Amino acid sequence: MTDVLARSDEPTLAYGAPLYADVGGDLAVSFEFFPPKTAKMEETLWQSVATLAPLGPRFVSVTYGAGGTTRERTHATVARIARETAIPAAAHLTCVEATRDEIDAVADAYWDAGVRHIVALRGDMPEGAPYAPHPGGYENAAALVAGLRARHPFEISVSAYPECHPDSADATADLDNLKRKIDAGATRAITQFFFEADTFLRYRDAVAAAGINAEIVPGIMPVMNFAAVQRMSAMCGTAVPAWMGRLFDGLDDKPEARQLVSATLAAELCRKLYAGGVKEFHFYTLNRAELSFAICHLLGVRANT
């Protein structure tokens, strides 16, 4: 890794922020993928893994579809990463529509495949239905963490919500839920994506004030399609600032320009977080490596040689 030092003659963004991140060589990154549905998507995924692997990620995670709909594909993808690469692989696992015995069997299969890291989530019901625990299943993410911890010495990541989970009554209840997950044995929390550094930094302070002593890793979502990000943000309660809409305005049919703006914004977000003491970042790649690679490059994260 090398340093990227901001200089007074470097360009600035429209809102006056420096373009390049004045960070040191002490960053750690991780990446998230989703299991491929087609042969073409599988090819894209493995190209992305190959592109990002030289950056030396702490781990790469693979998501789990709503209602456990990608269970087999998630397992196959994670097992292959564990088998064919040197990257630590993390598998998402949810409580939805499965008994404890079924979930325990999946966890055992991951352990047998050499997977030592689970991202333990409550999960979402199919077709947007309200969450309901499965009869005989783990009732929530804290119970899932406790079950996994009792079964194998997994490293366990859980989710956190800087702008509050939509199902939580309020921010206090949301923090209480995070504390239950950490107390049950989770190693760290990875946040939902957000778009302004203060959102995360205020949340980090609130987490500490609540007596939660665990690593809180910001989740970074590079904007590949602004309209799609708006839809996702509305579903999960993430605020999209007005200035972001102005920056992407007129770029719907200009994908290359859109990527340049996206990489710049995400790198600047990470620079501000770094200035606030953040040294770990988790990138939601959507199985496209180019943006995450470019952002890491701007941050000084370079290929291990």
C-alpha atoms as a PDB file:
ATOM      1  CA  MET A   1       0.000   0.000   0.000  1.00  0.00           C
ATOM      2  CA  THR A   2       1.124   3.577  -0.633  1.00  0.00           C
ATOM      3  CA  ASP A   3       0.046   6.925   0.706  1.00  0.00           C
ATOM      4  CA  VAL A   4      -2.180   9.309  -1.211  1.00  0.00           C
ATOM      5  CA  LEU A   5      -1.503  12.792   0.128  1.00  0.00           C
ATOM      6  CA  ALA A   6      -3.841  15.656  -0.687  1.00  0.00           C
ATOM      7  CA  ARG A   7      -2.090  18.709  -2.155  1.00  0.00           C
ATOM      8  CA  SER A   8      -3.375  22.231  -2.557  1.00  0.00           C
ATOM      9  CA  ASP A   9      -3.147  22.016  -6.348  1.00  0.00           C
ATOM     10  CA  GLU A  10      -5.336  18.897  -6.599  1.00  0.00           C
ATOM     11  CA  PRO A  11      -8.859  19.225  -8.048  1.00  0.00           C
ATOM     12  CA  THR A  12     -11.915  19.529  -5.864  1.00  0.00           C
ATOM     13  CA  LEU A  13     -15.468  18.294  -6.107  1.00  0.00           C
ATOM     14  CA  ALA A  14     -18.398  20.581  -6.773  1.00  0.00           C
ATOM     15  CA  TYR A  15     -19.021  21.020  -3.056  1.00  0.00           C
ATOM     16  CA  GLY A  16     -15.419  21.983  -2.310  1.00  0.00           C
ATOM     17  CA  ALA A  17     -14.026  18.694  -1.017  1.00  0.00           C
ATOM     18  CA  PRO A  18     -10.613  17.460  -2.139  1.00  0.00           C
ATOM     19  CA  LEU A  19     -10.752  14.821  -4.838  1.00  0.00           C
ATOM     20  CA  TYR A  20      -8.016  12.575  -3.490  1.00  0.00           C
ATOM     21  CA  ALA A  21      -8.025  10.927  -0.109  1.00  0.00           C
ATOM     22  CA  ASP A  22      -5.256  12.053   2.252  1.00  0.00           C
ATOM     23  CA  VAL A  23      -4.979   8.669   3.937  1.00  0.00           C
ATOM     24  CA  GLY A  24      -2.113   6.545   5.091  1.00  0.00           C
ATOM     25  CA  GLY A  25      -1.193   3.006   4.160  1.00  0.00           C
ATOM     26  CA  ASP A  26      -3.022   1.451   7.087  1.00  0.00           C
ATOM     27  CA  LEU A  27      -6.446   0.724   5.593  1.00  0.00           C
ATOM     28  CA  ALA A  28      -8.136  -2.668   5.600  1.00  0.00           C
ATOM     29  CA  VAL A  29     -10.852  -3.484   3.065  1.00  0.00           C
ATOM     30  CA  SER A  30     -13.376  -6.233   2.455  1.00  0.00           C
ATOM     31  CA  PHE A  31     -15.824  -6.878  -0.375  1.00  0.00           C
ATOM     32  CA  GLU A  32     -19.321  -8.284  -0.757  1.00  0.00           C
ATOM     33  CA  PHE A  33     -20.624 -10.325  -3.695  1.00  0.00           C
ATOM     34  CA  PHE A  34     -23.914 -12.027  -4.479  1.00  0.00           C
ATOM     35  CA  PRO A  35     -24.219 -15.587  -5.832  1.00  0.00           C
ATOM     36  CA  PRO A  36     -24.523 -15.712  -9.642  1.00  0.00           C
ATOM     37  CA  LYS A  37     -27.756 -16.808 -11.314  1.00  0.00           C
ATOM     38  CA  THR A  38     -26.369 -17.566 -14.786  1.00  0.00           C
ATOM     39  CA  ALA A  39     -23.161 -18.786 -16.380  1.00  0.00           C
ATOM     40  CA  LYS A  40     -22.446 -15.253 -17.608  1.00  0.00           C
ATOM     41  CA  MET A  41     -22.976 -13.801 -14.137  1.00  0.00           C
ATOM     42  CA  GLU A  42     -20.718 -16.490 -12.708  1.00  0.00           C
ATOM     43  CA  GLU A  43     -17.973 -15.494 -15.145  1.00  0.00           C
ATOM     44  CA  THR A  44     -18.375 -11.852 -14.100  1.00  0.00           C
ATOM     45  CA  LEU A  45     -18.212 -12.799 -10.430  1.00  0.00           C
ATOM     46  CA  TRP A  46     -14.978 -14.732 -10.757  1.00  0.00           C
ATOM     47  CA  GLN A  47     -13.424 -11.979 -12.839  1.00  0.00           C
ATOM     48  CA  SER A  48     -14.327  -9.592 -10.022  1.00  0.00           C
ATOM     49  CA  VAL A  49     -12.822 -11.882  -7.392  1.00  0.00           C
ATOM     50  CA  ALA A  50      -9.624 -12.148  -9.452  1.00  0.00           C
ATOM     51  CA  THR A  51      -9.465  -8.362  -9.871  1.00  0.00           C
ATOM     52  CA  LEU A  52      -9.907  -7.565  -6.184  1.00  0.00           C
ATOM     53  CA  ALA A  53      -7.913 -10.433  -4.661  1.00  0.00           C
ATOM     54  CA  PRO A  54      -4.505  -8.718  -5.157  1.00  0.00           C
ATOM     55  CA  LEU A  55      -5.678  -5.891  -2.875  1.00  0.00           C
ATOM     56  CA  GLY A  56      -5.422  -8.311   0.034  1.00  0.00           C
ATOM     57  CA  PRO A  57      -8.953  -8.030   1.457  1.00  0.00           C
ATOM     58  CA  ARG A  58      -9.586  -9.087   5.043  1.00  0.00           C
ATOM     59  CA  PHE A  59     -12.406 -11.242   3.681  1.00  0.00           C
ATOM     60  CA  VAL A  60     -15.012 -11.396   0.953  1.00  0.00           C
ATOM     61  CA  SER A  61     -18.633 -12.185   1.770  1.00  0.00           C
ATOM     62  CA  VAL A  62     -21.412 -13.725  -0.298  1.00  0.00           C
ATOM     63  CA  THR A  63     -25.032 -12.714   0.248  1.00  0.00           C
ATOM     64  CA  TYR A  64     -28.111 -14.811   0.912  1.00  0.00           C
ATOM     65  CA  GLY A  65     -31.363 -14.091  -0.932  1.00  0.00           C
ATOM     66  CA  ALA A  66     -34.610 -13.107   0.762  1.00  0.00           C
ATOM     67  CA  GLY A  67     -36.226 -16.139   2.333  1.00  0.00           C
ATOM     68  CA  GLY A  68     -33.066 -18.188   1.843  1.00  0.00           C
ATOM     69  CA  THR A  69     -33.721 -18.364  -1.895  1.00  0.00           C
ATOM     70  CA  THR A  70     -30.023 -18.524  -2.833  1.00  0.00           C
ATOM     71  CA  ARG A  71     -28.938 -20.977  -0.130  1.00  0.00           C
ATOM     72  CA  GLU A  72     -27.375 -23.537  -2.475  1.00  0.00           C
ATOM     73  CA  ARG A  73     -25.780 -20.954  -4.771  1.00  0.00           C
ATOM     74  CA  THR A  74     -24.391 -19.034  -1.816  1.00  0.00           C
ATOM     75  CA  HIS A  75     -22.870 -22.208  -0.398  1.00  0.00           C
ATOM     76  CA  ALA A  76     -21.350 -23.202  -3.735  1.00  0.00           C
ATOM     77  CA  THR A  77     -19.842 -19.748  -4.267  1.00  0.00           C
ATOM     78  CA  VAL A  78     -18.391 -19.453  -0.773  1.00  0.00           C
ATOM     79  CA  ALA A  79     -17.033 -22.990  -0.845  1.00  0.00           C
ATOM     80  CA  ARG A  80     -15.311 -22.323  -4.162  1.00  0.00           C
ATOM     81  CA  ILE A  81     -13.728 -19.114  -2.865  1.00  0.00           C
ATOM     82  CA  ALA A  82     -12.456 -21.023   0.176  1.00  0.00           C
ATOM     83  CA  ARG A  83     -11.226 -23.877  -2.007  1.00  0.00           C
ATOM     84  CA  GLU A  84      -9.619 -22.001  -4.906  1.00  0.00           C
ATOM     85  CA  THR A  85      -8.346 -18.724  -3.448  1.00  0.00           C
ATOM     86  CA  ALA A  86      -6.334 -17.522  -0.486  1.00  0.00           C
ATOM     87  CA  ILE A  87      -9.008 -14.966   0.460  1.00  0.00           C
ATOM     88  CA  PRO A  88     -10.898 -15.633   3.712  1.00  0.00           C
ATOM     89  CA  ALA A  89     -14.493 -16.289   2.666  1.00  0.00           C
ATOM     90  CA  ALA A  90     -17.558 -15.278   4.684  1.00  0.00           C
ATOM     91  CA  ALA A  91     -21.012 -16.734   4.097  1.00  0.00           C
ATOM     92  CA  HIS A  92     -24.241 -14.885   4.811  1.00  0.00           C
ATOM     93  CA  LEU A  93     -26.715 -16.950   6.812  1.00  0.00           C
ATOM     94  CA  THR A  94     -30.245 -15.907   7.799  1.00  0.00           C
ATOM     95  CA  CYS A  95     -33.035 -17.086  10.094  1.00  0.00           C
ATOM     96  CA  VAL A  96     -35.802 -16.917   7.504  1.00  0.00           C
ATOM     97  CA  GLU A  97     -37.905 -19.941   6.527  1.00  0.00           C
ATOM     98  CA  ALA A  98     -35.667 -22.605   8.051  1.00  0.00           C
ATOM     99  CA  THR A  99     -35.637 -24.623  11.249  1.00  0.00           C
ATOM    100  CA  ARG A 100     -32.746 -24.581  13.668  1.00  0.00           C
ATOM    101  CA  ASP A 101     -31.733 -28.037  12.499  1.00  0.00           C
ATOM    102  CA  GLU A 102     -31.658 -26.870   8.878  1.00  0.00           C
ATOM    103  CA  ILE A 103     -29.591 -23.798   9.699  1.00  0.00           C
ATOM    104  CA  ASP A 104     -27.244 -25.820  11.898  1.00  0.00           C
ATOM    105  CA  ALA A 105     -26.718 -28.246   9.004  1.00  0.00           C
ATOM    106  CA  VAL A 106     -25.801 -25.345   6.702  1.00  0.00           C
ATOM    107  CA  ALA A 107     -23.354 -24.022   9.313  1.00  0.00           C
ATOM    108  CA  ASP A 108     -21.799 -27.478   9.671  1.00  0.00           C
ATOM    109  CA  ALA A 109     -21.423 -27.730   5.887  1.00  0.00           C
ATOM    110  CA  TYR A 110     -19.615 -24.374   5.829  1.00  0.00           C
ATOM    111  CA  TRP A 111     -17.295 -25.472   8.596  1.00  0.00           C
ATOM    112  CA  ASP A 112     -16.541 -28.712   6.761  1.00  0.00           C
ATOM    113  CA  ALA A 113     -15.811 -26.679   3.590  1.00  0.00           C
ATOM    114  CA  GLY A 114     -13.192 -24.646   5.435  1.00  0.00           C
ATOM    115  CA  VAL A 115     -15.335 -21.523   5.891  1.00  0.00           C
ATOM    116  CA  ARG A 116     -14.617 -19.904   9.251  1.00  0.00           C
ATOM    117  CA  HIS A 117     -16.571 -16.649   8.971  1.00  0.00           C
ATOM    118  CA  ILE A 118     -20.361 -16.208   8.970  1.00  0.00           C
ATOM    119  CA  VAL A 119     -22.334 -13.005   8.409  1.00  0.00           C
ATOM    120  CA  ALA A 120     -25.329 -13.738  10.646  1.00  0.00           C
ATOM    121  CA  LEU A 121     -28.524 -11.877   9.738  1.00  0.00           C
ATOM    122  CA  ARG A 122     -32.191 -12.017  10.633  1.00  0.00           C
ATOM    123  CA  GLY A 123     -33.004 -11.818   6.926  1.00  0.00           C
ATOM    124  CA  ASP A 124     -36.013 -10.610   4.954  1.00  0.00           C
ATOM    125  CA  MET A 125     -39.173 -12.479   4.102  1.00  0.00           C
ATOM    126  CA  PRO A 126     -39.939 -13.244   0.442  1.00  0.00           C
ATOM    127  CA  GLU A 127     -41.873 -10.635  -1.519  1.00  0.00           C
ATOM    128  CA  GLY A 128     -41.555  -8.009   1.194  1.00  0.00           C
ATOM    129  CA  ALA A 129     -43.823  -9.728   3.716  1.00  0.00           C
ATOM    130  CA  PRO A 130     -43.488  -8.706   7.395  1.00  0.00           C
ATOM    131  CA  TYR A 131     -40.862 -10.717   9.247  1.00  0.00           C
ATOM    132  CA  ALA A 132     -42.085 -13.759  11.141  1.00  0.00           C
ATOM    133  CA  PRO A 133     -39.830 -16.327  12.847  1.00  0.00           C
ATOM    134  CA  HIS A 134     -40.043 -19.818  11.413  1.00  0.00           C
ATOM    135  CA  PRO A 135     -41.621 -22.345  13.806  1.00  0.00           C
ATOM    136  CA  GLY A 136     -38.712 -24.205  15.322  1.00  0.00           C
ATOM    137  CA  GLY A 137     -36.237 -21.725  13.860  1.00  0.00           C
ATOM    138  CA  TYR A 138     -33.948 -19.071  15.282  1.00  0.00           C
ATOM    139  CA  GLU A 139     -36.218 -16.173  16.210  1.00  0.00           C
ATOM    140  CA  ASN A 140     -33.750 -13.385  15.407  1.00  0.00           C
ATOM    141  CA  ALA A 141     -30.122 -12.583  14.585  1.00  0.00           C
ATOM    142  CA  ALA A 142     -29.002 -12.606  18.239  1.00  0.00           C
ATOM    143  CA  ALA A 143     -30.341 -16.138  18.657  1.00  0.00           C
ATOM    144  CA  LEU A 144     -28.626 -17.156  15.415  1.00  0.00           C
ATOM    145  CA  VAL A 145     -25.307 -15.742  16.635  1.00  0.00           C
ATOM    146  CA  ALA A 146     -25.621 -17.656  19.900  1.00  0.00           C
ATOM    147  CA  GLY A 147     -26.452 -20.851  18.018  1.00  0.00           C
ATOM    148  CA  LEU A 148     -23.483 -20.482  15.668  1.00  0.00           C
ATOM    149  CA  ARG A 149     -21.143 -19.643  18.527  1.00  0.00           C
ATOM    150  CA  ALA A 150     -22.226 -22.780  20.396  1.00  0.00           C
ATOM    151  CA  ARG A 151     -21.734 -24.949  17.331  1.00  0.00           C
ATOM    152  CA  HIS A 152     -18.300 -23.885  15.992  1.00  0.00           C
ATOM    153  CA  PRO A 153     -15.755 -21.157  16.819  1.00  0.00           C
ATOM    154  CA  PHE A 154     -16.799 -19.063  13.822  1.00  0.00           C
ATOM    155  CA  GLU A 155     -15.807 -15.464  13.307  1.00  0.00           C
ATOM    156  CA  ILE A 156     -19.236 -13.795  13.165  1.00  0.00           C
ATOM    157  CA  SER A 157     -20.213 -10.476  11.615  1.00  0.00           C
ATOM    158  CA  VAL A 158     -23.647  -8.931  12.065  1.00  0.00           C
ATOM    159  CA  SER A 159     -25.477  -5.964  10.576  1.00  0.00           C
ATOM    160  CA  ALA A 160     -25.811  -2.431  11.965  1.00  0.00           C
ATOM    161  CA  TYR A 161     -27.974   0.467  10.830  1.00  0.00           C
ATOM    162  CA  PRO A 162     -26.673   4.045  11.140  1.00  0.00           C
ATOM    163  CA  GLU A 163     -30.102   5.362  10.132  1.00  0.00           C
ATOM    164  CA  CYS A 164     -32.089   2.741  12.094  1.00  0.00           C
ATOM    165  CA  HIS A 165     -33.550  -0.482  10.728  1.00  0.00           C
ATOM    166  CA  PRO A 166     -37.043   0.087   9.272  1.00  0.00           C
ATOM    167  CA  ASP A 167     -38.499  -2.517  11.651  1.00  0.00           C
ATOM    168  CA  SER A 168     -37.037  -0.912  14.782  1.00  0.00           C
ATOM    169  CA  ALA A 169     -39.304   1.236  16.953  1.00  0.00           C
ATOM    170  CA  ASP A 170     -36.607   3.880  17.355  1.00  0.00           C
ATOM    171  CA  ALA A 171     -32.837   4.384  17.485  1.00  0.00           C
ATOM    172  CA  THR A 172     -32.628   3.203  21.107  1.00  0.00           C
ATOM    173  CA  ALA A 173     -34.385  -0.072  20.295  1.00  0.00           C
ATOM    174  CA  ASP A 174     -32.127  -0.523  17.294  1.00  0.00           C
ATOM    175  CA  LEU A 175     -28.996  -0.095  19.430  1.00  0.00           C
ATOM    176  CA  ASP A 176     -30.406  -2.506  22.007  1.00  0.00           C
ATOM    177  CA  ASN A 177     -30.783  -5.091  19.258  1.00  0.00           C
ATOM    178  CA  LEU A 178     -27.191  -4.545  18.116  1.00  0.00           C
ATOM    179  CA  LYS A 179     -25.986  -4.975  21.716  1.00  0.00           C
ATOM    180  CA  ARG A 180     -27.850  -8.284  21.999  1.00  0.00           C
ATOM    181  CA  LYS A 181     -26.075  -9.539  18.874  1.00  0.00           C
ATOM    182  CA  ILE A 182     -22.654  -8.495  20.127  1.00  0.00           C
ATOM    183  CA  ASP A 183     -23.325  -9.916  23.594  1.00  0.00           C
ATOM    184  CA  ALA A 184     -24.366 -13.204  21.962  1.00  0.00           C
ATOM    185  CA  GLY A 185     -20.874 -13.531  20.508  1.00  0.00           C
ATOM    186  CA  ALA A 186     -20.612 -11.493  17.308  1.00  0.00           C
ATOM    187  CA  THR A 187     -17.119 -10.344  16.364  1.00  0.00           C
ATOM    188  CA  ARG A 188     -18.031  -7.135  14.532  1.00  0.00           C
ATOM    189  CA  ALA A 189     -20.881  -5.250  12.888  1.00  0.00           C
ATOM    190  CA  ILE A 190     -20.967  -4.112   9.261  1.00  0.00           C
ATOM    191  CA  THR A 191     -23.287  -1.218   8.549  1.00  0.00           C
ATOM    192  CA  GLN A 192     -25.959  -0.649   5.978  1.00  0.00           C
ATOM    193  CA  PHE A 193     -24.739   1.753   3.284  1.00  0.00           C
ATOM    194  CA  PHE A 194     -25.014   5.511   3.826  1.00  0.00           C
ATOM    195  CA  PHE A 195     -23.861   8.545   1.874  1.00  0.00           C
ATOM    196  CA  GLU A 196     -22.573  11.130   4.345  1.00  0.00           C
ATOM    197  CA  ALA A 197     -19.666  10.622   6.733  1.00  0.00           C
ATOM    198  CA  ASP A 198     -21.364  12.335   9.668  1.00  0.00           C
ATOM    199  CA  THR A 199     -24.126   9.731   9.515  1.00  0.00           C
ATOM    200  CA  PHE A 200     -21.633   6.995  10.379  1.00  0.00           C
ATOM    201  CA  LEU A 201     -19.532   9.014  12.813  1.00  0.00           C
ATOM    202  CA  ARG A 202     -22.578  10.026  14.863  1.00  0.00           C
ATOM    203  CA  TYR A 203     -23.729   6.410  14.879  1.00  0.00           C
ATOM    204  CA  ARG A 204     -20.309   5.181  16.006  1.00  0.00           C
ATOM    205  CA  ASP A 205     -20.489   7.620  18.933  1.00  0.00           C
ATOM    206  CA  ALA A 206     -24.000   6.419  19.816  1.00  0.00           C
ATOM    207  CA  VAL A 207     -22.822   2.787  19.701  1.00  0.00           C
ATOM    208  CA  ALA A 208     -20.000   3.568  22.123  1.00  0.00           C
ATOM    209  CA  ALA A 209     -22.338   5.514  24.407  1.00  0.00           C
ATOM    210  CA  ALA A 210     -24.629   2.479  24.516  1.00  0.00           C
ATOM    211  CA  GLY A 211     -21.779   0.410  25.947  1.00  0.00           C
ATOM    212  CA  ILE A 212     -21.225  -1.628  22.791  1.00  0.00           C
ATOM    213  CA  ASN A 213     -17.550  -2.485  22.510  1.00  0.00           C
ATOM    214  CA  ALA A 214     -17.104  -4.002  19.061  1.00  0.00           C
ATOM    215  CA  GLU A 215     -15.656  -3.094  15.712  1.00  0.00           C
ATOM    216  CA  ILE A 216     -18.194  -1.189  13.589  1.00  0.00           C
ATOM    217  CA  VAL A 217     -17.242  -1.319   9.904  1.00  0.00           C
ATOM    218  CA  PRO A 218     -18.850   1.144   7.483  1.00  0.00           C
ATOM    219  CA  GLY A 219     -20.527  -0.398   4.457  1.00  0.00           C
ATOM    220  CA  ILE A 220     -19.767   1.578   1.295  1.00  0.00           C
ATOM    221  CA  MET A 221     -22.091   1.400  -1.720  1.00  0.00           C
ATOM    222  CA  PRO A 222     -20.572   2.834  -4.912  1.00  0.00           C
ATOM    223  CA  VAL A 223     -23.404   4.280  -7.011  1.00  0.00           C
ATOM    224  CA  MET A 224     -23.582   2.411 -10.315  1.00  0.00           C
ATOM    225  CA  ASN A 225     -27.170   3.394 -11.073  1.00  0.00           C
ATOM    226  CA  PHE A 226     -28.623   6.365  -9.197  1.00  0.00           C
ATOM    227  CA  ALA A 227     -32.261   5.395  -9.731  1.00  0.00           C
ATOM    228  CA  ALA A 228     -31.572   1.882  -8.415  1.00  0.00           C
ATOM    229  CA  VAL A 229     -29.790   3.282  -5.362  1.00  0.00           C
ATOM    230  CA  GLN A 230     -32.770   5.549  -4.690  1.00  0.00           C
ATOM    231  CA  ARG A 231     -35.067   2.518  -4.720  1.00  0.00           C
ATOM    232  CA  MET A 232     -32.807   0.492  -2.420  1.00  0.00           C
ATOM    233  CA  SER A 233     -32.386   3.455  -0.084  1.00  0.00           C
ATOM    234  CA  ALA A 234     -36.144   3.927   0.206  1.00  0.00           C
ATOM    235  CA  MET A 235     -36.544   0.262   1.171  1.00  0.00           C
ATOM    236  CA  CYS A 236     -33.916   0.335   3.920  1.00  0.00           C
ATOM    237  CA  GLY A 237     -34.421   3.867   5.233  1.00  0.00           C
ATOM    238  CA  THR A 238     -31.175   5.354   3.938  1.00  0.00           C
ATOM    239  CA  ALA A 239     -31.229   9.096   3.261  1.00  0.00           C
ATOM    240  CA  VAL A 240     -30.089  10.177  -0.219  1.00  0.00           C
ATOM    241  CA  PRO A 241     -28.788  13.758  -0.015  1.00  0.00           C
ATOM    242  CA  ALA A 242     -30.039  16.256  -2.586  1.00  0.00           C
ATOM    243  CA  TRP A 243     -26.518  17.145  -3.694  1.00  0.00           C
ATOM    244  CA  MET A 244     -26.008  13.556  -4.844  1.00  0.00           C
ATOM    245  CA  GLY A 245     -28.997  13.781  -7.150  1.00  0.00           C
ATOM    246  CA  ARG A 246     -27.595  16.950  -8.681  1.00  0.00           C
ATOM    247  CA  LEU A 247     -24.222  15.322  -9.315  1.00  0.00           C
ATOM    248  CA  PHE A 248     -25.786  12.359 -11.141  1.00  0.00           C
ATOM    249  CA  ASP A 249     -28.341  14.444 -13.021  1.00  0.00           C
ATOM    250  CA  GLY A 250     -27.940  14.020 -16.787  1.00  0.00           C
ATOM    251  CA  LEU A 251     -25.732  10.920 -16.553  1.00  0.00           C
ATOM    252  CA  ASP A 252     -28.380   8.236 -17.144  1.00  0.00           C
ATOM    253  CA  ASP A 253     -27.060   7.458 -20.624  1.00  0.00           C
ATOM    254  CA  LYS A 254     -23.393   8.140 -19.813  1.00  0.00           C
ATOM    255  CA  PRO A 255     -22.191   5.097 -17.856  1.00  0.00           C
ATOM    256  CA  GLU A 256     -18.491   5.962 -18.078  1.00  0.00           C
ATOM    257  CA  ALA A 257     -19.021   9.461 -16.685  1.00  0.00           C
ATOM    258  CA  ARG A 258     -21.315   8.029 -14.029  1.00  0.00           C
ATOM    259  CA  GLN A 259     -18.586   5.655 -12.893  1.00  0.00           C
ATOM    260  CA  LEU A 260     -16.088   8.496 -12.618  1.00  0.00           C
ATOM    261  CA  VAL A 261     -18.458  10.500 -10.436  1.00  0.00           C
ATOM    262  CA  SER A 262     -19.293   7.428  -8.357  1.00  0.00           C
ATOM    263  CA  ALA A 263     -15.654   6.527  -7.671  1.00  0.00           C
ATOM    264  CA  THR A 264     -14.866  10.102  -6.714  1.00  0.00           C
ATOM    265  CA  LEU A 265     -17.791  10.373  -4.299  1.00  0.00           C
ATOM    266  CA  ALA A 266     -17.079   7.050  -2.593  1.00  0.00           C
ATOM    267  CA  ALA A 267     -13.372   7.807  -2.220  1.00  0.00           C
ATOM    268  CA  GLU A 268     -14.213  11.191  -0.716  1.00  0.00           C
ATOM    269  CA  LEU A 269     -16.652   9.563   1.711  1.00  0.00           C
ATOM    270  CA  CYS A 270     -13.927   7.144   2.791  1.00  0.00           C
ATOM    271  CA  ARG A 271     -11.420  10.007   3.151  1.00  0.00           C
ATOM    272  CA  LYS A 272     -13.764  11.824   5.539  1.00  0.00           C
ATOM    273  CA  LEU A 273     -14.333   8.627   7.517  1.00  0.00           C
ATOM    274  CA  TYR A 274     -10.572   8.057   7.689  1.00  0.00           C
ATOM    275  CA  ALA A 275     -10.139  11.583   9.046  1.00  0.00           C
ATOM    276  CA  GLY A 276     -12.622  10.534  11.749  1.00  0.00           C
ATOM    277  CA  GLY A 277     -10.483   7.543  12.692  1.00  0.00           C
ATOM    278  CA  VAL A 278     -12.016   4.820  10.512  1.00  0.00           C
ATOM    279  CA  LYS A 279      -9.494   2.328   9.129  1.00  0.00           C
ATOM    280  CA  GLU A 280     -11.722  -0.500   7.834  1.00  0.00           C
ATOM    281  CA  PHE A 281     -14.153  -0.364   4.916  1.00  0.00           C
ATOM    282  CA  HIS A 282     -16.570  -2.936   3.479  1.00  0.00           C
ATOM    283  CA  PHE A 283     -17.555  -2.415  -0.167  1.00  0.00           C
ATOM    284  CA  TYR A 284     -20.830  -3.613  -1.652  1.00  0.00           C
ATOM    285  CA  THR A 285     -19.512  -4.484  -5.116  1.00  0.00           C
ATOM    286  CA  LEU A 286     -22.685  -5.794  -6.811  1.00  0.00           C
ATOM    287  CA  ASN A 287     -20.225  -8.210  -8.467  1.00  0.00           C
ATOM    288  CA  ARG A 288     -18.578  -5.384 -10.419  1.00  0.00           C
ATOM    289  CA  ALA A 289     -14.952  -4.932  -9.479  1.00  0.00           C
ATOM    290  CA  GLU A 290     -13.996  -1.825 -11.416  1.00  0.00           C
ATOM    291  CA  LEU A 291     -15.531   0.793  -9.137  1.00  0.00           C
ATOM    292  CA  SER A 292     -14.332  -0.775  -5.902  1.00  0.00           C
ATOM    293  CA  PHE A 293     -10.863  -1.261  -7.360  1.00  0.00           C
ATOM    294  CA  ALA A 294     -10.714   2.387  -8.482  1.00  0.00           C
ATOM    295  CA  ILE A 295     -11.886   3.621  -5.084  1.00  0.00           C
ATOM    296  CA  CYS A 296      -9.276   1.529  -3.303  1.00  0.00           C
ATOM    297  CA  HIS A 297      -6.638   2.867  -5.704  1.00  0.00           C
ATOM    298  CA  LEU A 298      -7.598   6.448  -4.825  1.00  0.00           C
ATOM    299  CA  LEU A 299      -7.317   5.538  -1.157  1.00  0.00           C
ATOM    300  CA  GLY A 300      -3.822   4.129  -1.597  1.00  0.00           C
ATOM    301  CA  VAL A 301      -4.818   0.474  -1.339  1.00  0.00           C
ATOM    302  CA  ARG A 302      -2.702  -1.212  -3.984  1.00  0.00           C
ATOM    303  CA  ALA A 303      -1.984  -4.756  -5.077  1.00  0.00           C
ATOM    304  CA  ASN A 304       0.166  -6.790  -2.725  1.00  0.00           C
ATOM    305  CA  THR A 305       3.479  -7.559  -4.396  1.00  0.00           C
END
